[in-house]
Amino acid sequence: MLSRSLQLSLLLSVALCSFSAVQAEEASTTVTTTSTSTSTTTVEKSPTLAEMEGHRHKMRDDLMMPSLKGLRGLSFGIPGHVGDASAEQTAMNKLKQLPIPVSKIVDLKHAETKPVDAILQVKVLETGNDYRLVELSLIQWTKLMRNGQEVKSVTYSDQTVTHKSTVNDTIGKMVNQFVLDFMKANHQQTTVTEGKSNKKS
């Protein structure tokens, strides 16, 4: 028979082995949990409304506004719009703030001699019984860099969804934003012109 001290030593060894196994299992669980939590934190978050709005403004400033610089004239219209006829007149009144000739699309004639570099149009599309998609776009002749071919392109655009009762007001605001962007894009040229006129007076 084993002595009592030897029996105690064997029992202690077994206990230590069991304790080490438990520690190893717990450590493995901790590592797995840490790895899982780490991988979870690396998941990309969806952009916030503020970030999306900031991206929208940057796209307008960097890509669209430069196409407004140097425009010599444009024509405007709301093709197919069924609603208050004052919407087009309100938009035309706002466009008269531009320092360039503005005409209506319906008044354009073949071989028009007036400088018309672009067509500004607003479309109103149904998106349900009570809501409408209002889309403003500026169309110009542009030249492709890859082959020099001239094509019609949308160089400036804006759109929003609004209630059918506020369509005309929305059109007015979008056209007003276009006027502001045009003024900003041509600000340097306008400032010089004003400076000269002030000197003359």
Protein backbone atom coordinates (compact mmCIF):
# COMPACT_ATOMS: atom_id res chain seq x y z
CA MET A 1 0.00 0.00 0.00
CA LEU A 2 1.04 3.57 -0.71
CA SER A 3 2.06 5.68 2.21
CA ARG A 4 -0.30 8.46 3.27
CA SER A 5 2.17 11.16 2.19
CA LEU A 6 2.49 9.60 -1.27
CA GLN A 7 -1.29 9.38 -1.61
CA LEU A 8 -1.59 13.09 -0.71
CA SER A 9 1.08 13.97 -3.28
CA LEU A 10 -0.78 12.06 -6.02
CA LEU A 11 -4.10 13.73 -5.12
CA LEU A 12 -2.44 17.17 -5.13
CA SER A 13 -0.91 16.51 -8.57
CA VAL A 14 -4.30 15.48 -10.00
CA ALA A 15 -5.92 18.58 -8.51
CA LEU A 16 -3.23 20.87 -9.96
CA CYS A 17 -3.62 19.28 -13.41
CA SER A 18 -7.38 19.77 -13.29
CA PHE A 19 -6.96 23.41 -12.18
CA SER A 20 -4.47 24.06 -15.02
CA ALA A 21 -6.90 22.57 -17.53
CA VAL A 22 -9.70 24.83 -16.26
CA GLN A 23 -7.40 27.88 -16.46
CA ALA A 24 -6.42 26.98 -20.02
CA GLU A 25 -10.06 26.59 -21.03
CA GLU A 26 -10.95 29.93 -19.45
CA ALA A 27 -8.01 31.61 -21.18
CA SER A 28 -9.09 30.14 -24.51
CA THR A 29 -12.62 31.40 -23.92
CA THR A 30 -11.26 34.87 -23.05
CA VAL A 31 -9.16 34.98 -26.22
CA THR A 32 -12.12 33.89 -28.34
CA THR A 33 -14.34 36.49 -26.72
CA THR A 34 -11.72 39.20 -27.22
CA SER A 35 -11.26 38.23 -30.86
CA THR A 36 -15.02 38.28 -31.40
CA SER A 37 -15.42 41.68 -29.78
CA THR A 38 -12.47 43.04 -31.75
CA SER A 39 -13.90 41.85 -35.05
CA THR A 40 -17.25 43.39 -34.13
CA THR A 41 -15.74 46.82 -33.54
CA THR A 42 -14.09 46.81 -36.99
CA VAL A 43 -17.47 46.66 -38.78
CA GLU A 44 -17.98 49.91 -40.72
CA LYS A 45 -20.85 52.08 -39.58
CA SER A 46 -23.44 53.55 -41.92
CA PRO A 47 -22.87 57.26 -42.68
CA THR A 48 -24.87 59.71 -40.62
CA LEU A 49 -27.27 62.24 -42.13
CA ALA A 50 -24.72 64.97 -41.43
CA GLU A 51 -21.99 63.01 -43.26
CA MET A 52 -24.28 62.36 -46.22
CA GLU A 53 -25.19 66.05 -46.40
CA GLY A 54 -21.52 66.99 -46.22
CA HIS A 55 -20.73 64.59 -49.08
CA ARG A 56 -23.60 66.09 -51.09
CA HIS A 57 -22.25 69.61 -50.65
CA LYS A 58 -18.72 68.51 -51.53
CA MET A 59 -19.95 66.84 -54.70
CA ARG A 60 -21.82 70.01 -55.66
CA ASP A 61 -18.80 72.24 -54.94
CA ASP A 62 -16.18 70.02 -56.60
CA LEU A 63 -18.05 68.51 -59.55
CA MET A 64 -21.12 70.53 -60.46
CA MET A 65 -20.46 74.18 -59.68
CA PRO A 66 -17.38 74.47 -61.95
CA SER A 67 -19.66 73.67 -64.92
CA LEU A 68 -21.64 76.87 -64.22
CA LYS A 69 -18.66 79.16 -64.70
CA GLY A 70 -18.76 81.22 -67.87
CA LEU A 71 -22.30 80.31 -69.00
CA ARG A 72 -23.47 82.92 -71.53
CA GLY A 73 -27.18 82.08 -71.46
CA LEU A 74 -29.71 79.34 -70.74
CA SER A 75 -33.29 78.26 -71.38
CA PHE A 76 -35.66 77.00 -68.71
CA GLY A 77 -38.78 74.89 -68.62
CA ILE A 78 -40.88 72.41 -66.65
CA PRO A 79 -41.87 69.80 -69.27
CA GLY A 80 -45.05 67.90 -68.58
CA HIS A 81 -45.76 69.60 -65.23
CA VAL A 82 -49.46 69.49 -64.41
CA GLY A 83 -50.26 71.90 -61.62
CA ASP A 84 -50.22 75.56 -60.77
CA ALA A 85 -48.98 77.49 -63.83
CA SER A 86 -47.39 80.04 -61.50
CA ALA A 87 -44.55 77.58 -60.72
CA GLU A 88 -42.79 78.29 -64.01
CA GLN A 89 -43.30 82.03 -63.67
CA THR A 90 -41.96 82.00 -60.11
CA ALA A 91 -38.88 80.12 -61.30
CA MET A 92 -38.38 82.54 -64.21
CA ASN A 93 -38.55 85.50 -61.83
CA LYS A 94 -35.77 83.96 -59.74
CA LEU A 95 -33.69 83.23 -62.84
CA LYS A 96 -33.90 86.89 -63.85
CA GLN A 97 -31.44 87.57 -61.04
CA LEU A 98 -28.76 85.94 -63.20
CA PRO A 99 -26.50 88.31 -65.14
CA ILE A 100 -27.09 86.30 -68.35
CA PRO A 101 -30.00 85.99 -70.82
CA VAL A 102 -32.67 83.49 -69.76
CA SER A 103 -35.42 82.29 -72.11
CA LYS A 104 -38.15 79.68 -72.00
CA ILE A 105 -37.61 76.35 -73.71
CA VAL A 106 -40.93 76.67 -75.54
CA ASP A 107 -39.77 79.97 -77.04
CA LEU A 108 -36.59 78.55 -78.57
CA LYS A 109 -36.46 78.61 -82.35
CA HIS A 110 -34.39 76.70 -84.85
CA ALA A 111 -30.94 78.23 -85.34
CA GLU A 112 -31.48 80.50 -82.34
CA THR A 113 -28.96 83.35 -82.41
CA LYS A 114 -29.17 84.15 -78.71
CA PRO A 115 -26.41 82.54 -76.63
CA VAL A 116 -27.90 79.41 -75.10
CA ASP A 117 -25.16 77.29 -73.55
CA ALA A 118 -27.43 75.12 -71.40
CA ILE A 119 -30.97 73.88 -70.79
CA LEU A 120 -32.25 74.06 -67.22
CA GLN A 121 -35.31 71.93 -66.63
CA VAL A 122 -37.37 70.68 -63.71
CA LYS A 123 -39.25 67.38 -63.79
CA VAL A 124 -42.05 66.43 -61.40
CA LEU A 125 -42.69 62.68 -61.06
CA GLU A 126 -45.34 60.91 -59.00
CA THR A 127 -44.01 58.72 -56.18
CA GLY A 128 -47.40 57.81 -54.71
CA ASN A 129 -50.76 59.40 -54.11
CA ASP A 130 -49.48 62.28 -51.99
CA TYR A 131 -45.77 62.70 -52.80
CA ARG A 132 -43.76 63.87 -55.78
CA LEU A 133 -40.12 63.61 -56.85
CA VAL A 134 -38.87 67.02 -57.97
CA GLU A 135 -35.69 66.88 -60.05
CA LEU A 136 -33.73 69.85 -61.40
CA SER A 137 -31.03 69.30 -64.02
CA LEU A 138 -28.79 71.43 -66.22
CA ILE A 139 -27.91 69.94 -69.61
CA GLN A 140 -24.93 71.15 -71.62
CA TRP A 141 -22.86 70.07 -74.60
CA THR A 142 -19.64 68.64 -73.22
CA LYS A 143 -16.55 67.05 -74.73
CA LEU A 144 -15.34 63.61 -73.67
CA MET A 145 -11.69 63.65 -72.60
CA ARG A 146 -11.04 60.14 -73.94
CA ASN A 147 -11.89 60.86 -77.58
CA GLY A 148 -12.96 64.51 -77.86
CA GLN A 149 -16.52 63.61 -78.90
CA GLU A 150 -19.22 66.16 -78.02
CA VAL A 151 -22.23 64.81 -76.10
CA LYS A 152 -25.17 66.18 -74.12
CA SER A 153 -24.55 65.74 -70.41
CA VAL A 154 -26.18 66.62 -67.10
CA THR A 155 -23.55 68.82 -65.44
CA TYR A 156 -25.64 70.02 -62.49
CA SER A 157 -28.54 68.34 -60.70
CA ASP A 158 -30.61 68.39 -57.54
CA GLN A 159 -33.61 66.39 -56.39
CA THR A 160 -35.92 65.86 -53.45
CA VAL A 161 -39.21 64.22 -52.50
CA THR A 162 -41.96 66.55 -51.32
CA HIS A 163 -45.68 66.58 -50.67
CA LYS A 164 -47.82 67.35 -53.69
CA SER A 165 -49.12 70.49 -51.98
CA THR A 166 -45.59 71.96 -51.75
CA VAL A 167 -44.30 71.15 -55.25
CA ASN A 168 -44.33 74.75 -56.46
CA ASP A 169 -42.57 75.99 -53.34
CA THR A 170 -39.95 73.25 -53.73
CA ILE A 171 -39.33 74.20 -57.36
CA GLY A 172 -38.81 77.81 -56.30
CA LYS A 173 -36.27 76.81 -53.64
CA MET A 174 -34.32 74.54 -55.97
CA VAL A 175 -34.13 77.21 -58.68
CA ASN A 176 -33.06 79.74 -56.06
CA GLN A 177 -30.24 77.38 -54.97
CA PHE A 178 -29.16 77.12 -58.60
CA VAL A 179 -29.00 80.92 -58.83
CA LEU A 180 -26.89 81.07 -55.65
CA ASP A 181 -24.52 78.39 -56.98
CA PHE A 182 -24.18 80.20 -60.30
CA MET A 183 -23.33 83.44 -58.52
CA LYS A 184 -20.78 81.63 -56.37
CA ALA A 185 -19.17 79.90 -59.35
CA ASN A 186 -18.86 83.24 -61.17
CA HIS A 187 -18.14 85.32 -58.08
CA GLN A 188 -14.63 86.40 -59.07
CA GLN A 189 -15.73 87.59 -62.51
CA THR A 190 -18.76 89.41 -61.04
CA THR A 191 -16.62 91.15 -58.42
CA VAL A 192 -14.25 92.46 -61.07
CA THR A 193 -17.13 93.78 -63.16
CA GLU A 194 -18.67 95.52 -60.14
CA GLY A 195 -15.31 97.03 -59.26
CA LYS A 196 -14.96 98.54 -62.73
CA SER A 197 -18.46 99.94 -62.70
CA ASN A 198 -17.88 101.51 -59.31
CA LYS A 199 -14.77 103.23 -60.58
CA LYS A 200 -16.62 104.60 -63.58
CA SER A 201 -19.39 106.03 -61.44
